[in-house]
Amino acid sequence: MEQVARVEEVHRFETSKLGVWVFLFSEILLFGGLFAAYAVFRGLFFQDFHRDHQQLNVTLGAINTVVLLVSSFTVARAVASIQRGKTRPLNLYLLLTILCGLVFLVNKYFEYSAKFSHDIFPWTSTFFSLYFVMTGLHGLHVLGGVIALSTALVLALRGRFSSTNYVIVEGTALYWHLVDIVWIYLFPMLYLIA
């Protein structure tokens, strides 16, 4: 009976992982379409894109890049901790990842506020339409990741994870890595080479 329960648990784990990968693939398609649209419009309005991108705050973008890179490290450490059955480091690393996500969102708030105070809105130009859509959608994904990580932290504090039961932590970490990777493409594309 115990062996059957173990086989069912492994099956559930693998099915959950497959579901996460299918979801991540759909997210890649979404952002891939936005990147393609950006490339097309950049080709059509090269001078306008070059002018408008100079109004972005490269320092805040770079800080957010570092923050998300640190968060990738901490979420990877969270997964490694629970795989070894260490719940205390898991809790700490999940908390640090959440804090990094919140720092990112606060920086993005200040960046958006500065744009609005200078009368720069999504309808200002094609560049800023794409900028606000892509970074706004990414920000929503960061917020979703923070919520998912917070849920995982609550479950971890309640003792729901072990070295054999951590699919939620791993799935959330995979999602967070995708959020980080998307930003790694957004930052140079919008802030550095537009």
C-alpha atoms as a PDB file:
ATOM      1  CA  MET A   1       0.000   0.000   0.000  1.00  0.00           C
ATOM      2  CA  GLU A   2       2.833   2.367   0.845  1.00  0.00           C
ATOM      3  CA  GLN A   3       4.459   1.689  -2.520  1.00  0.00           C
ATOM      4  CA  VAL A   4       1.207   2.554  -4.352  1.00  0.00           C
ATOM      5  CA  ALA A   5       0.942   5.806  -2.399  1.00  0.00           C
ATOM      6  CA  ARG A   6       4.549   6.641  -3.334  1.00  0.00           C
ATOM      7  CA  VAL A   7       3.880   5.951  -7.026  1.00  0.00           C
ATOM      8  CA  GLU A   8       0.794   8.206  -6.893  1.00  0.00           C
ATOM      9  CA  GLU A   9       2.830  10.944  -5.219  1.00  0.00           C
ATOM     10  CA  VAL A  10       5.527  10.752  -7.903  1.00  0.00           C
ATOM     11  CA  HIS A  11       2.837  10.822 -10.615  1.00  0.00           C
ATOM     12  CA  ARG A  12       1.220  13.898  -9.021  1.00  0.00           C
ATOM     13  CA  PHE A  13       4.610  15.588  -8.739  1.00  0.00           C
ATOM     14  CA  GLU A  14       5.442  14.958 -12.413  1.00  0.00           C
ATOM     15  CA  THR A  15       1.977  16.061 -13.565  1.00  0.00           C
ATOM     16  CA  SER A  16       2.291  19.278 -11.571  1.00  0.00           C
ATOM     17  CA  LYS A  17       5.719  19.951 -13.090  1.00  0.00           C
ATOM     18  CA  LEU A  18       4.337  19.421 -16.582  1.00  0.00           C
ATOM     19  CA  GLY A  19       1.515  21.866 -15.844  1.00  0.00           C
ATOM     20  CA  VAL A  20       4.003  24.492 -14.679  1.00  0.00           C
ATOM     21  CA  TRP A  21       6.105  24.049 -17.835  1.00  0.00           C
ATOM     22  CA  VAL A  22       3.043  24.368 -20.095  1.00  0.00           C
ATOM     23  CA  PHE A  23       2.065  27.566 -18.277  1.00  0.00           C
ATOM     24  CA  LEU A  24       5.608  28.943 -18.558  1.00  0.00           C
ATOM     25  CA  PHE A  25       5.648  28.157 -22.276  1.00  0.00           C
ATOM     26  CA  SER A  26       2.440  30.158 -22.755  1.00  0.00           C
ATOM     27  CA  GLU A  27       4.057  33.082 -20.920  1.00  0.00           C
ATOM     28  CA  ILE A  28       7.100  32.852 -23.184  1.00  0.00           C
ATOM     29  CA  LEU A  29       4.791  33.035 -26.209  1.00  0.00           C
ATOM     30  CA  LEU A  30       3.085  36.111 -24.760  1.00  0.00           C
ATOM     31  CA  PHE A  31       6.305  38.014 -24.168  1.00  0.00           C
ATOM     32  CA  GLY A  32       7.796  36.683 -27.401  1.00  0.00           C
ATOM     33  CA  GLY A  33       4.919  38.301 -29.293  1.00  0.00           C
ATOM     34  CA  LEU A  34       5.552  41.587 -27.512  1.00  0.00           C
ATOM     35  CA  PHE A  35       9.282  41.401 -28.282  1.00  0.00           C
ATOM     36  CA  ALA A  36       8.460  40.779 -31.949  1.00  0.00           C
ATOM     37  CA  ALA A  37       6.077  43.755 -32.019  1.00  0.00           C
ATOM     38  CA  TYR A  38       8.788  45.900 -30.445  1.00  0.00           C
ATOM     39  CA  ALA A  39      11.304  44.829 -33.100  1.00  0.00           C
ATOM     40  CA  VAL A  40       8.895  45.642 -35.930  1.00  0.00           C
ATOM     41  CA  PHE A  41       7.976  49.084 -34.591  1.00  0.00           C
ATOM     42  CA  ARG A  42      11.578  49.892 -33.713  1.00  0.00           C
ATOM     43  CA  GLY A  43      12.466  49.222 -37.338  1.00  0.00           C
ATOM     44  CA  LEU A  44       9.659  51.469 -38.534  1.00  0.00           C
ATOM     45  CA  PHE A  45      10.266  54.333 -36.082  1.00  0.00           C
ATOM     46  CA  PHE A  46      13.971  54.031 -35.321  1.00  0.00           C
ATOM     47  CA  GLN A  47      14.623  57.756 -34.713  1.00  0.00           C
ATOM     48  CA  ASP A  48      11.587  58.118 -32.446  1.00  0.00           C
ATOM     49  CA  PHE A  49      12.576  55.051 -30.416  1.00  0.00           C
ATOM     50  CA  HIS A  50      16.118  56.334 -30.039  1.00  0.00           C
ATOM     51  CA  ARG A  51      14.867  59.745 -28.838  1.00  0.00           C
ATOM     52  CA  ASP A  52      12.255  58.361 -26.437  1.00  0.00           C
ATOM     53  CA  HIS A  53      14.397  55.694 -24.807  1.00  0.00           C
ATOM     54  CA  GLN A  54      16.774  58.421 -23.626  1.00  0.00           C
ATOM     55  CA  GLN A  55      14.040  59.553 -21.216  1.00  0.00           C
ATOM     56  CA  LEU A  56      14.252  56.285 -19.284  1.00  0.00           C
ATOM     57  CA  ASN A  57      16.100  56.072 -15.983  1.00  0.00           C
ATOM     58  CA  VAL A  58      18.927  53.634 -16.725  1.00  0.00           C
ATOM     59  CA  THR A  59      20.066  53.685 -13.084  1.00  0.00           C
ATOM     60  CA  LEU A  60      16.685  52.489 -11.786  1.00  0.00           C
ATOM     61  CA  GLY A  61      16.545  49.892 -14.555  1.00  0.00           C
ATOM     62  CA  ALA A  62      20.019  48.652 -13.617  1.00  0.00           C
ATOM     63  CA  ILE A  63      19.131  48.540  -9.915  1.00  0.00           C
ATOM     64  CA  ASN A  64      16.033  46.501 -10.753  1.00  0.00           C
ATOM     65  CA  THR A  65      18.177  44.156 -12.820  1.00  0.00           C
ATOM     66  CA  VAL A  66      20.510  43.551  -9.880  1.00  0.00           C
ATOM     67  CA  VAL A  67      17.540  43.111  -7.529  1.00  0.00           C
ATOM     68  CA  LEU A  68      16.013  40.449  -9.784  1.00  0.00           C
ATOM     69  CA  LEU A  69      19.345  38.669 -10.249  1.00  0.00           C
ATOM     70  CA  VAL A  70      19.720  38.510  -6.464  1.00  0.00           C
ATOM     71  CA  SER A  71      16.148  37.219  -6.212  1.00  0.00           C
ATOM     72  CA  SER A  72      16.955  34.440  -8.702  1.00  0.00           C
ATOM     73  CA  PHE A  73      19.798  33.368  -6.440  1.00  0.00           C
ATOM     74  CA  THR A  74      17.644  33.438  -3.307  1.00  0.00           C
ATOM     75  CA  VAL A  75      14.766  31.487  -4.861  1.00  0.00           C
ATOM     76  CA  ALA A  76      17.231  28.882  -6.171  1.00  0.00           C
ATOM     77  CA  ARG A  77      18.644  28.593  -2.653  1.00  0.00           C
ATOM     78  CA  ALA A  78      15.083  28.133  -1.330  1.00  0.00           C
ATOM     79  CA  VAL A  79      14.559  25.136  -3.606  1.00  0.00           C
ATOM     80  CA  ALA A  80      17.974  23.697  -2.755  1.00  0.00           C
ATOM     81  CA  SER A  81      17.205  24.089   0.962  1.00  0.00           C
ATOM     82  CA  ILE A  82      13.923  22.199   0.881  1.00  0.00           C
ATOM     83  CA  GLN A  83      15.404  19.487  -1.336  1.00  0.00           C
ATOM     84  CA  ARG A  84      17.791  18.843   1.556  1.00  0.00           C
ATOM     85  CA  GLY A  85      14.905  19.010   4.038  1.00  0.00           C
ATOM     86  CA  LYS A  86      16.068  22.291   5.610  1.00  0.00           C
ATOM     87  CA  THR A  87      12.969  24.363   6.317  1.00  0.00           C
ATOM     88  CA  ARG A  88      14.566  27.251   8.177  1.00  0.00           C
ATOM     89  CA  PRO A  89      16.748  28.362   5.252  1.00  0.00           C
ATOM     90  CA  LEU A  90      13.758  27.774   2.956  1.00  0.00           C
ATOM     91  CA  ASN A  91      11.743  30.318   4.930  1.00  0.00           C
ATOM     92  CA  LEU A  92      14.578  32.842   4.926  1.00  0.00           C
ATOM     93  CA  TYR A  93      15.244  32.530   1.189  1.00  0.00           C
ATOM     94  CA  LEU A  94      11.554  32.774   0.308  1.00  0.00           C
ATOM     95  CA  LEU A  95      11.295  35.921   2.445  1.00  0.00           C
ATOM     96  CA  LEU A  96      14.379  37.455   0.800  1.00  0.00           C
ATOM     97  CA  THR A  97      12.963  36.705  -2.652  1.00  0.00           C
ATOM     98  CA  ILE A  98       9.654  38.343  -1.705  1.00  0.00           C
ATOM     99  CA  LEU A  99      11.501  41.413  -0.439  1.00  0.00           C
ATOM    100  CA  CYS A 100      13.451  41.649  -3.704  1.00  0.00           C
ATOM    101  CA  GLY A 101      10.185  41.487  -5.646  1.00  0.00           C
ATOM    102  CA  LEU A 102       8.737  44.283  -3.519  1.00  0.00           C
ATOM    103  CA  VAL A 103      11.857  46.428  -4.019  1.00  0.00           C
ATOM    104  CA  PHE A 104      11.478  45.929  -7.770  1.00  0.00           C
ATOM    105  CA  LEU A 105       7.842  47.038  -7.654  1.00  0.00           C
ATOM    106  CA  VAL A 106       8.604  50.098  -5.510  1.00  0.00           C
ATOM    107  CA  ASN A 107      11.357  51.148  -7.933  1.00  0.00           C
ATOM    108  CA  LYS A 108       8.955  50.663 -10.851  1.00  0.00           C
ATOM    109  CA  TYR A 109       6.371  52.818  -9.033  1.00  0.00           C
ATOM    110  CA  PHE A 110       8.890  55.648  -8.691  1.00  0.00           C
ATOM    111  CA  GLU A 111       9.914  55.272 -12.304  1.00  0.00           C
ATOM    112  CA  TYR A 112       6.309  55.382 -13.540  1.00  0.00           C
ATOM    113  CA  SER A 113       5.556  58.354 -11.255  1.00  0.00           C
ATOM    114  CA  ALA A 114       8.464  60.274 -12.747  1.00  0.00           C
ATOM    115  CA  LYS A 115       7.185  59.556 -16.269  1.00  0.00           C
ATOM    116  CA  PHE A 116       3.661  60.708 -15.407  1.00  0.00           C
ATOM    117  CA  SER A 117       4.954  63.881 -13.745  1.00  0.00           C
ATOM    118  CA  HIS A 118       6.748  64.714 -17.018  1.00  0.00           C
ATOM    119  CA  ASP A 119       3.540  64.080 -19.014  1.00  0.00           C
ATOM    120  CA  ILE A 120       4.807  60.810 -20.447  1.00  0.00           C
ATOM    121  CA  PHE A 121       1.944  58.348 -20.791  1.00  0.00           C
ATOM    122  CA  PRO A 122       1.297  55.171 -22.826  1.00  0.00           C
ATOM    123  CA  TRP A 123      -0.286  57.263 -25.599  1.00  0.00           C
ATOM    124  CA  THR A 124       2.693  59.665 -25.813  1.00  0.00           C
ATOM    125  CA  SER A 125       4.441  57.663 -28.542  1.00  0.00           C
ATOM    126  CA  THR A 126       4.763  54.183 -29.993  1.00  0.00           C
ATOM    127  CA  PHE A 127       7.881  53.601 -27.893  1.00  0.00           C
ATOM    128  CA  PHE A 128       6.132  54.533 -24.665  1.00  0.00           C
ATOM    129  CA  SER A 129       3.054  52.503 -25.614  1.00  0.00           C
ATOM    130  CA  LEU A 130       5.250  49.427 -25.890  1.00  0.00           C
ATOM    131  CA  TYR A 131       7.334  50.427 -22.859  1.00  0.00           C
ATOM    132  CA  PHE A 132       4.306  50.727 -20.591  1.00  0.00           C
ATOM    133  CA  VAL A 133       2.627  47.589 -21.939  1.00  0.00           C
ATOM    134  CA  MET A 134       5.742  45.425 -21.620  1.00  0.00           C
ATOM    135  CA  THR A 135       7.008  46.751 -18.291  1.00  0.00           C
ATOM    136  CA  GLY A 136       3.470  46.963 -16.884  1.00  0.00           C
ATOM    137  CA  LEU A 137       2.720  43.380 -17.860  1.00  0.00           C
ATOM    138  CA  HIS A 138       6.066  42.336 -16.430  1.00  0.00           C
ATOM    139  CA  GLY A 139       5.257  44.240 -13.220  1.00  0.00           C
ATOM    140  CA  LEU A 140       1.968  42.349 -12.947  1.00  0.00           C
ATOM    141  CA  HIS A 141       3.923  39.115 -13.300  1.00  0.00           C
ATOM    142  CA  VAL A 142       6.289  40.248 -10.540  1.00  0.00           C
ATOM    143  CA  LEU A 143       3.270  41.014  -8.338  1.00  0.00           C
ATOM    144  CA  GLY A 144       1.824  37.583  -9.147  1.00  0.00           C
ATOM    145  CA  GLY A 145       5.174  36.032  -8.265  1.00  0.00           C
ATOM    146  CA  VAL A 146       5.295  37.884  -4.948  1.00  0.00           C
ATOM    147  CA  ILE A 147       1.804  36.610  -4.135  1.00  0.00           C
ATOM    148  CA  ALA A 148       2.761  33.031  -5.102  1.00  0.00           C
ATOM    149  CA  LEU A 149       5.989  33.249  -3.082  1.00  0.00           C
ATOM    150  CA  SER A 150       4.077  34.645  -0.089  1.00  0.00           C
ATOM    151  CA  THR A 151       1.642  31.734  -0.313  1.00  0.00           C
ATOM    152  CA  ALA A 152       4.561  29.304  -0.449  1.00  0.00           C
ATOM    153  CA  LEU A 153       6.113  31.018   2.583  1.00  0.00           C
ATOM    154  CA  VAL A 154       2.886  30.696   4.580  1.00  0.00           C
ATOM    155  CA  LEU A 155       2.672  27.012   3.661  1.00  0.00           C
ATOM    156  CA  ALA A 156       6.347  26.552   4.575  1.00  0.00           C
ATOM    157  CA  LEU A 157       5.793  28.159   7.965  1.00  0.00           C
ATOM    158  CA  ARG A 158       2.923  25.711   8.508  1.00  0.00           C
ATOM    159  CA  GLY A 159       5.257  22.800   7.812  1.00  0.00           C
ATOM    160  CA  ARG A 160       3.709  21.739   4.515  1.00  0.00           C
ATOM    161  CA  PHE A 161       6.988  21.051   2.696  1.00  0.00           C
ATOM    162  CA  SER A 162       9.657  18.400   3.066  1.00  0.00           C
ATOM    163  CA  SER A 163      12.502  16.929   1.051  1.00  0.00           C
ATOM    164  CA  THR A 164       9.951  14.721  -0.728  1.00  0.00           C
ATOM    165  CA  ASN A 165       7.101  17.255  -0.990  1.00  0.00           C
ATOM    166  CA  TYR A 166       8.163  20.594  -2.461  1.00  0.00           C
ATOM    167  CA  VAL A 167       6.417  20.822  -5.843  1.00  0.00           C
ATOM    168  CA  ILE A 168       4.823  24.185  -4.956  1.00  0.00           C
ATOM    169  CA  VAL A 169       8.183  25.677  -4.026  1.00  0.00           C
ATOM    170  CA  GLU A 170       9.805  24.383  -7.205  1.00  0.00           C
ATOM    171  CA  GLY A 171       6.934  25.520  -9.443  1.00  0.00           C
ATOM    172  CA  THR A 172       6.927  28.977  -7.890  1.00  0.00           C
ATOM    173  CA  ALA A 173      10.694  29.200  -8.309  1.00  0.00           C
ATOM    174  CA  LEU A 174      10.439  28.260 -11.990  1.00  0.00           C
ATOM    175  CA  TYR A 175       7.844  30.990 -12.499  1.00  0.00           C
ATOM    176  CA  TRP A 176      10.072  33.490 -10.679  1.00  0.00           C
ATOM    177  CA  HIS A 177      13.025  32.582 -12.893  1.00  0.00           C
ATOM    178  CA  LEU A 178      10.874  33.268 -15.954  1.00  0.00           C
ATOM    179  CA  VAL A 179       9.975  36.698 -14.549  1.00  0.00           C
ATOM    180  CA  ASP A 180      13.694  37.372 -14.059  1.00  0.00           C
ATOM    181  CA  ILE A 181      14.621  36.182 -17.553  1.00  0.00           C
ATOM    182  CA  VAL A 182      11.973  38.388 -19.160  1.00  0.00           C
ATOM    183  CA  TRP A 183      13.455  41.401 -17.361  1.00  0.00           C
ATOM    184  CA  ILE A 184      16.943  40.411 -18.504  1.00  0.00           C
ATOM    185  CA  TYR A 185      15.641  40.885 -22.052  1.00  0.00           C
ATOM    186  CA  LEU A 186      13.527  43.967 -21.329  1.00  0.00           C
ATOM    187  CA  PHE A 187      16.253  45.961 -19.612  1.00  0.00           C
ATOM    188  CA  PRO A 188      18.801  46.113 -22.448  1.00  0.00           C
ATOM    189  CA  MET A 189      16.127  46.252 -25.146  1.00  0.00           C
ATOM    190  CA  LEU A 190      14.323  49.262 -23.644  1.00  0.00           C
ATOM    191  CA  TYR A 191      16.957  51.032 -21.573  1.00  0.00           C
ATOM    192  CA  LEU A 192      20.260  50.441 -23.350  1.00  0.00           C
ATOM    193  CA  ILE A 193      19.929  49.779 -27.067  1.00  0.00           C
ATOM    194  CA  ALA A 194      16.628  51.348 -28.157  1.00  0.00           C
END
